[in-house]
Amino acid sequence: MKILSKQKLTAAFDQLAEKAELLVPMQKGATSAFLPWPEFEPGRDELRLEALNVDKPPKDAVLPQTERMYKFSANGPEVAVQEVYEISSPRIVFGIRPCDFRGIECLDQVFLTRGYADGFYQSRRDNTVFIAQACYQPGPNCFCNAMGVDPVKPQADVTIHDLGDGYAWEPLTPKGEETTEVISDLLQEKKAELPEVKPFTRQVAYAGLAEKLKDLFEHPIWEKLSDPCQNCGICTYSCPTCYCFDIQVKSFGEAGYRFRCWDSCMYREYTLMAGGHNPREASRERFRNRFLHKLQFFQERYGQPLCIGCGRCLIVCPAGISIVNIMQELKEVE
């Protein structure tokens, strides 16, 4: 088994960063996220490899919060596209957790299947290596196992296992093998025993809920469930699988560029049509759509739920809304 000593971790980061942009879980100020390794400031910042999840999920490695799409110029009625911004520079995401990697797999389904591939997404995805860190001790808000995620066997390019003084290093794909070669001089062959998986404290019963939800679209339970919701959208921005976006234009006279940015189905403007009609005018309708998408619609289309059990939305919601409690209440509805 290949082992990377934690004493050699900084050297490994330095070598990986020479080959690609390296993103690592980092606490910078009040927020933790996957940030470029060269930005790490010893004494001020903190590596968060021990944390189960950082505040901001790493989905922006392949779906940035804001990204330019193309530059254009206009000459009367004629418009010419001058440059398309499909980013193809190599990138490595180190330490992504299995739940967050399942989130990336959900995005893959949306942007790369069903007969159409989003070029902006694909260029980033094809050039990104994911090194996932297995989870052996679930946190109090974790329930990924209930949503079909294996916490110790993510199908990433490389999986690492925390052994205490080092990481067992397991390449799983050709991209993972190439990345392993970059730090081969730092890896040692040793015998090691992987940790024992601890039980989940938060129990969630999702099985069978997608089928039941087909008959609950008009049920009055949604009025009760949605009542505390403030439609602030923080749940969608902290979620590893939400992918709603808007496309806008920035123009300077006869030239400019288009860009897309994250949006939220919890906002009234998201479904507001040009003529003024809104199919989800009420807060209850937007709330219902979010949870049906997570628990029913995505399951029907792609064979898996859109919730990956990371627990972030439970933590950040100012109204204390819990998707776990919502699932339980929906299962108990007659």
Protein backbone atom coordinates (compact mmCIF):
# COMPACT_ATOMS: atom_id res chain seq x y z
CA MET A 1 0.00 0.00 0.00
CA LYS A 2 1.33 3.46 -0.89
CA ILE A 3 1.63 5.79 2.11
CA LEU A 4 2.10 9.57 2.14
CA SER A 5 3.51 10.70 5.48
CA LYS A 6 1.85 13.82 6.89
CA GLN A 7 5.35 15.20 7.42
CA LYS A 8 5.73 15.20 3.63
CA LEU A 9 2.33 16.73 2.93
CA THR A 10 3.65 20.25 2.32
CA ALA A 11 6.28 18.89 -0.08
CA ALA A 12 3.55 16.93 -1.89
CA PHE A 13 1.42 20.06 -2.21
CA ASP A 14 4.36 22.00 -3.60
CA GLN A 15 5.08 19.34 -6.23
CA LEU A 16 1.44 18.99 -7.24
CA ALA A 17 1.08 22.78 -7.47
CA GLU A 18 3.92 22.87 -10.00
CA LYS A 19 1.89 20.66 -12.36
CA ALA A 20 -1.59 22.13 -11.87
CA GLU A 21 -3.63 24.59 -9.87
CA LEU A 22 -3.97 22.85 -6.51
CA LEU A 23 -7.07 23.48 -4.40
CA VAL A 24 -7.01 22.36 -0.76
CA PRO A 25 -9.52 22.69 2.11
CA MET A 26 -8.48 25.85 3.91
CA GLN A 27 -9.78 28.17 6.62
CA LYS A 28 -9.16 31.76 5.50
CA GLY A 29 -10.66 34.32 7.81
CA ALA A 30 -14.23 33.47 8.78
CA THR A 31 -14.83 31.10 5.85
CA SER A 32 -13.49 27.72 4.86
CA ALA A 33 -13.37 26.55 1.25
CA PHE A 34 -11.19 24.80 -1.32
CA LEU A 35 -8.63 27.49 -2.14
CA PRO A 36 -5.37 27.59 -4.14
CA TRP A 37 -2.41 26.22 -2.20
CA PRO A 38 -0.12 29.17 -3.11
CA GLU A 39 -2.55 31.46 -1.25
CA PHE A 40 -1.96 29.61 2.04
CA GLU A 41 -0.40 31.90 4.65
CA PRO A 42 1.19 30.00 7.58
CA GLY A 43 0.18 31.50 10.91
CA ARG A 44 -2.94 33.13 9.46
CA ASP A 45 -4.66 30.36 7.51
CA GLU A 46 -5.41 26.80 8.56
CA LEU A 47 -5.53 23.59 6.55
CA ARG A 48 -8.85 21.83 7.12
CA LEU A 49 -8.05 18.27 6.07
CA GLU A 50 -9.30 17.05 9.44
CA ALA A 51 -12.68 18.75 8.98
CA LEU A 52 -15.47 16.66 7.54
CA ASN A 53 -16.65 19.48 5.31
CA VAL A 54 -15.62 23.05 4.65
CA ASP A 55 -18.27 25.77 4.49
CA LYS A 56 -18.23 26.21 0.73
CA PRO A 57 -18.47 23.02 -1.35
CA PRO A 58 -15.87 22.44 -4.07
CA LYS A 59 -18.39 22.39 -6.93
CA ASP A 60 -17.02 25.74 -8.13
CA ALA A 61 -13.94 23.85 -9.35
CA VAL A 62 -16.11 22.74 -12.28
CA LEU A 63 -19.07 25.15 -12.01
CA PRO A 64 -17.71 28.55 -10.90
CA GLN A 65 -20.01 30.95 -9.11
CA THR A 66 -19.38 33.39 -11.97
CA GLU A 67 -17.74 32.56 -15.30
CA ARG A 68 -17.34 34.35 -18.62
CA MET A 69 -18.77 32.47 -21.58
CA TYR A 70 -17.74 34.45 -24.64
CA LYS A 71 -16.69 37.89 -25.84
CA PHE A 72 -18.53 39.57 -28.71
CA SER A 73 -18.58 42.69 -30.85
CA ALA A 74 -21.44 44.21 -32.80
CA ASN A 75 -21.49 46.05 -36.11
CA GLY A 76 -25.04 47.16 -36.74
CA PRO A 77 -27.23 44.03 -36.83
CA GLU A 78 -24.19 41.76 -37.19
CA VAL A 79 -22.70 40.21 -34.05
CA ALA A 80 -19.40 38.33 -34.01
CA VAL A 81 -18.17 36.05 -31.24
CA GLN A 82 -14.49 36.88 -30.74
CA GLU A 83 -13.45 34.52 -27.98
CA VAL A 84 -15.01 31.57 -26.12
CA TYR A 85 -13.79 31.08 -22.57
CA GLU A 86 -13.59 27.31 -22.19
CA ILE A 87 -10.99 26.88 -19.45
CA SER A 88 -8.74 23.88 -20.03
CA SER A 89 -5.88 24.49 -17.58
CA PRO A 90 -5.16 21.53 -15.26
CA ARG A 91 -6.49 21.56 -11.72
CA ILE A 92 -6.27 19.21 -8.72
CA VAL A 93 -8.81 19.19 -5.88
CA PHE A 94 -7.18 17.59 -2.83
CA GLY A 95 -9.23 16.25 0.07
CA ILE A 96 -12.76 16.35 -1.33
CA ARG A 97 -15.09 14.26 0.82
CA PRO A 98 -17.14 11.37 -0.66
CA CYS A 99 -20.42 13.27 -0.29
CA ASP A 100 -19.03 16.27 -2.16
CA PHE A 101 -17.61 14.01 -4.85
CA ARG A 102 -21.08 12.47 -5.28
CA GLY A 103 -22.21 16.07 -5.78
CA ILE A 104 -19.74 16.37 -8.67
CA GLU A 105 -21.11 13.14 -10.12
CA CYS A 106 -24.62 14.63 -9.96
CA LEU A 107 -23.41 17.69 -11.87
CA ASP A 108 -21.82 15.35 -14.42
CA GLN A 109 -25.26 13.84 -15.04
CA VAL A 110 -26.78 17.27 -15.63
CA PHE A 111 -24.08 18.83 -17.80
CA LEU A 112 -22.64 15.82 -19.67
CA THR A 113 -25.45 13.34 -20.37
CA ARG A 114 -28.79 13.04 -22.17
CA GLY A 115 -27.33 13.92 -25.57
CA TYR A 116 -25.78 17.27 -24.72
CA ALA A 117 -22.46 18.25 -23.17
CA ASP A 118 -21.96 21.75 -21.76
CA GLY A 119 -18.59 22.78 -23.21
CA PHE A 120 -17.72 25.17 -20.38
CA TYR A 121 -18.38 22.50 -17.76
CA GLN A 122 -16.72 19.71 -19.71
CA SER A 123 -13.48 21.60 -20.33
CA ARG A 124 -13.05 22.09 -16.58
CA ARG A 125 -14.21 18.58 -15.65
CA ASP A 126 -11.89 16.85 -18.14
CA ASN A 127 -8.90 18.74 -16.77
CA THR A 128 -9.66 18.35 -13.06
CA VAL A 129 -8.27 15.57 -10.87
CA PHE A 130 -10.21 14.76 -7.69
CA ILE A 131 -8.36 13.31 -4.72
CA ALA A 132 -11.03 12.21 -2.26
CA GLN A 133 -10.54 11.63 1.45
CA ALA A 134 -12.47 8.68 2.88
CA CYS A 135 -14.67 9.33 5.93
CA TYR A 136 -14.52 6.84 8.81
CA GLN A 137 -16.10 9.00 11.54
CA PRO A 138 -19.40 10.59 10.45
CA GLY A 139 -20.29 13.94 11.97
CA PRO A 140 -23.53 14.72 13.83
CA ASN A 141 -25.11 16.25 10.70
CA CYS A 142 -23.91 13.59 8.23
CA PHE A 143 -26.36 11.23 6.54
CA CYS A 144 -24.68 10.47 3.21
CA ASN A 145 -25.15 6.71 3.63
CA ALA A 146 -28.94 7.17 3.57
CA MET A 147 -28.62 8.96 0.21
CA GLY A 148 -26.62 6.17 -1.42
CA VAL A 149 -23.08 7.48 -0.82
CA ASP A 150 -20.30 5.12 0.27
CA PRO A 151 -18.26 7.21 2.75
CA VAL A 152 -15.05 5.21 2.29
CA LYS A 153 -15.14 4.18 -1.39
CA PRO A 154 -15.76 7.24 -3.60
CA GLN A 155 -15.00 6.63 -7.27
CA ALA A 156 -12.65 9.60 -7.50
CA ASP A 157 -9.30 9.67 -9.32
CA VAL A 158 -7.46 8.99 -6.05
CA THR A 159 -8.78 8.04 -2.64
CA ILE A 160 -6.74 8.75 0.49
CA HIS A 161 -7.34 7.18 3.90
CA ASP A 162 -6.23 8.94 7.10
CA LEU A 163 -4.05 6.57 9.13
CA GLY A 164 -3.12 9.09 11.82
CA ASP A 165 0.49 9.81 10.87
CA GLY A 166 -0.03 9.49 7.13
CA TYR A 167 -2.44 8.80 4.30
CA ALA A 168 -2.94 5.54 2.45
CA TRP A 169 -2.86 6.56 -1.21
CA GLU A 170 -5.08 4.66 -3.67
CA PRO A 171 -5.13 5.74 -7.35
CA LEU A 172 -8.29 4.57 -9.15
CA THR A 173 -8.19 6.10 -12.64
CA PRO A 174 -5.58 6.88 -15.32
CA LYS A 175 -5.67 10.53 -14.20
CA GLY A 176 -5.10 9.32 -10.67
CA GLU A 177 -2.12 7.23 -11.76
CA GLU A 178 -0.58 10.23 -13.57
CA THR A 179 -1.04 12.38 -10.47
CA THR A 180 0.50 9.69 -8.30
CA GLU A 181 3.61 9.74 -10.49
CA VAL A 182 4.10 13.43 -9.70
CA ILE A 183 4.74 12.64 -6.02
CA SER A 184 6.03 9.08 -6.39
CA ASP A 185 9.30 10.02 -4.68
CA LEU A 186 7.32 10.96 -1.54
CA LEU A 187 5.26 7.76 -1.34
CA GLN A 188 6.41 4.71 0.58
CA GLU A 189 5.28 1.12 0.23
CA LYS A 190 4.09 -0.11 3.62
CA LYS A 191 1.61 -2.46 5.14
CA ALA A 192 -1.21 -0.61 6.80
CA GLU A 193 -4.61 -1.37 8.24
CA LEU A 194 -7.45 0.95 7.32
CA PRO A 195 -9.58 2.43 10.13
CA GLU A 196 -12.91 0.95 11.13
CA VAL A 197 -16.02 2.80 9.93
CA LYS A 198 -17.95 4.29 12.84
CA PRO A 199 -21.78 4.25 12.81
CA PHE A 200 -23.87 7.23 11.73
CA THR A 201 -25.62 8.98 14.60
CA ARG A 202 -28.20 10.68 12.37
CA GLN A 203 -30.63 8.13 10.96
CA VAL A 204 -32.55 8.98 7.80
CA ALA A 205 -35.11 6.86 5.96
CA TYR A 206 -35.13 8.03 2.33
CA ALA A 207 -35.93 4.68 0.71
CA GLY A 208 -39.34 4.72 -0.98
CA LEU A 209 -39.91 8.47 -0.55
CA ALA A 210 -39.47 9.36 -4.25
CA GLU A 211 -42.37 7.07 -5.17
CA LYS A 212 -44.58 8.44 -2.42
CA LEU A 213 -43.95 12.05 -3.44
CA LYS A 214 -45.68 11.48 -6.77
CA ASP A 215 -49.01 11.72 -4.92
CA LEU A 216 -48.14 14.64 -2.63
CA PHE A 217 -47.77 17.54 -5.07
CA GLU A 218 -51.02 19.22 -3.97
CA HIS A 219 -50.92 18.04 -0.36
CA PRO A 220 -51.50 20.76 2.29
CA ILE A 221 -48.37 19.56 4.13
CA TRP A 222 -46.31 21.91 1.93
CA GLU A 223 -47.99 24.94 3.50
CA LYS A 224 -46.88 23.81 6.94
CA LEU A 225 -43.38 22.80 5.90
CA SER A 226 -42.69 26.00 3.97
CA ASP A 227 -44.05 28.41 6.59
CA PRO A 228 -40.68 29.05 8.36
CA CYS A 229 -38.77 29.49 5.07
CA GLN A 230 -37.47 33.01 4.41
CA ASN A 231 -36.54 32.29 0.76
CA CYS A 232 -33.06 33.63 1.47
CA GLY A 233 -31.45 31.02 -0.80
CA ILE A 234 -28.52 30.23 1.49
CA CYS A 235 -29.40 26.53 1.29
CA THR A 236 -28.91 26.57 -2.49
CA TYR A 237 -25.62 28.46 -2.39
CA SER A 238 -24.14 26.13 0.24
CA CYS A 239 -25.41 22.98 -1.50
CA PRO A 240 -22.90 20.84 -3.46
CA THR A 241 -25.54 19.81 -6.01
CA CYS A 242 -27.59 22.93 -6.76
CA TYR A 243 -26.83 24.02 -10.32
CA CYS A 244 -29.37 26.74 -11.20
CA PHE A 245 -27.70 29.57 -13.08
CA ASP A 246 -28.53 32.79 -14.88
CA ILE A 247 -26.90 34.22 -18.03
CA GLN A 248 -26.23 37.94 -18.18
CA VAL A 249 -24.40 40.33 -20.51
CA LYS A 250 -21.88 43.05 -19.78
CA SER A 251 -21.55 45.48 -22.67
CA PHE A 252 -19.30 48.43 -23.45
CA GLY A 253 -20.74 50.28 -26.43
CA GLU A 254 -20.64 47.79 -29.32
CA ALA A 255 -18.56 45.16 -27.50
CA GLY A 256 -18.99 43.07 -24.40
CA TYR A 257 -19.19 39.58 -22.99
CA ARG A 258 -21.74 37.14 -21.68
CA PHE A 259 -21.32 35.40 -18.35
CA ARG A 260 -23.26 32.99 -16.24
CA CYS A 261 -23.59 32.94 -12.48
CA TRP A 262 -25.25 30.85 -9.83
CA ASP A 263 -28.93 31.54 -9.24
CA SER A 264 -31.51 30.08 -6.88
CA CYS A 265 -34.92 28.51 -7.42
CA MET A 266 -35.87 29.97 -4.03
CA TYR A 267 -36.01 33.47 -5.52
CA ARG A 268 -39.23 34.79 -7.05
CA GLU A 269 -37.34 36.30 -10.00
CA TYR A 270 -35.93 32.93 -11.02
CA THR A 271 -39.18 31.82 -12.71
CA LEU A 272 -40.55 35.28 -13.52
CA MET A 273 -41.43 35.39 -17.22
CA ALA A 274 -41.12 38.33 -19.59
CA GLY A 275 -44.87 38.88 -19.69
CA GLY A 276 -45.10 39.06 -15.91
CA HIS A 277 -46.45 35.55 -15.27
CA ASN A 278 -44.75 33.47 -12.61
CA PRO A 279 -45.52 29.73 -12.31
CA ARG A 280 -44.04 29.74 -8.79
CA GLU A 281 -45.31 33.02 -7.41
CA ALA A 282 -45.86 31.78 -3.86
CA SER A 283 -43.07 30.93 -1.45
CA ARG A 284 -44.74 27.57 -0.84
CA GLU A 285 -44.43 26.68 -4.53
CA ARG A 286 -40.73 27.49 -4.66
CA PHE A 287 -40.09 25.58 -1.45
CA ARG A 288 -41.98 22.55 -2.76
CA ASN A 289 -40.09 22.61 -6.04
CA ARG A 290 -36.72 22.61 -4.29
CA PHE A 291 -37.47 19.55 -2.19
CA LEU A 292 -39.27 17.65 -4.93
CA HIS A 293 -36.26 18.26 -7.19
CA LYS A 294 -33.88 16.93 -4.53
CA LEU A 295 -35.94 13.94 -3.51
CA GLN A 296 -38.15 12.96 -6.47
CA PHE A 297 -37.49 14.60 -9.85
CA PHE A 298 -33.73 13.97 -9.99
CA GLN A 299 -34.25 10.40 -8.75
CA GLU A 300 -36.73 9.76 -11.56
CA ARG A 301 -34.46 11.19 -14.26
CA TYR A 302 -31.01 10.04 -13.14
CA GLY A 303 -31.63 7.18 -10.72
CA GLN A 304 -30.25 8.90 -7.61
CA PRO A 305 -31.36 11.68 -5.25
CA LEU A 306 -29.94 15.17 -5.62
CA CYS A 307 -29.30 15.38 -1.88
CA ILE A 308 -25.95 13.83 -0.92
CA GLY A 309 -26.34 14.03 2.87
CA CYS A 310 -23.54 16.48 3.65
CA GLY A 311 -25.66 18.33 6.23
CA ARG A 312 -24.63 21.86 5.20
CA CYS A 313 -28.19 23.13 4.73
CA LEU A 314 -29.08 21.94 8.24
CA ILE A 315 -26.28 24.10 9.62
CA VAL A 316 -26.73 27.32 7.64
CA CYS A 317 -30.54 27.70 7.51
CA PRO A 318 -31.49 30.72 9.68
CA ALA A 319 -34.98 29.27 10.19
CA GLY A 320 -33.75 25.86 11.32
CA ILE A 321 -35.32 24.01 8.39
CA SER A 322 -33.99 20.45 8.13
CA ILE A 323 -34.30 18.29 5.03
CA VAL A 324 -34.00 15.30 7.37
CA ASN A 325 -37.10 16.36 9.32
CA ILE A 326 -38.89 17.16 6.08
CA MET A 327 -38.22 13.67 4.74
CA GLN A 328 -39.53 12.16 7.96
CA GLU A 329 -42.71 14.25 7.93
CA LEU A 330 -43.35 13.45 4.26
CA LYS A 331 -42.96 9.74 4.89
CA GLU A 332 -45.53 9.95 7.71
CA VAL A 333 -48.13 11.80 5.62
CA GLU A 334 -51.30 9.74 5.01
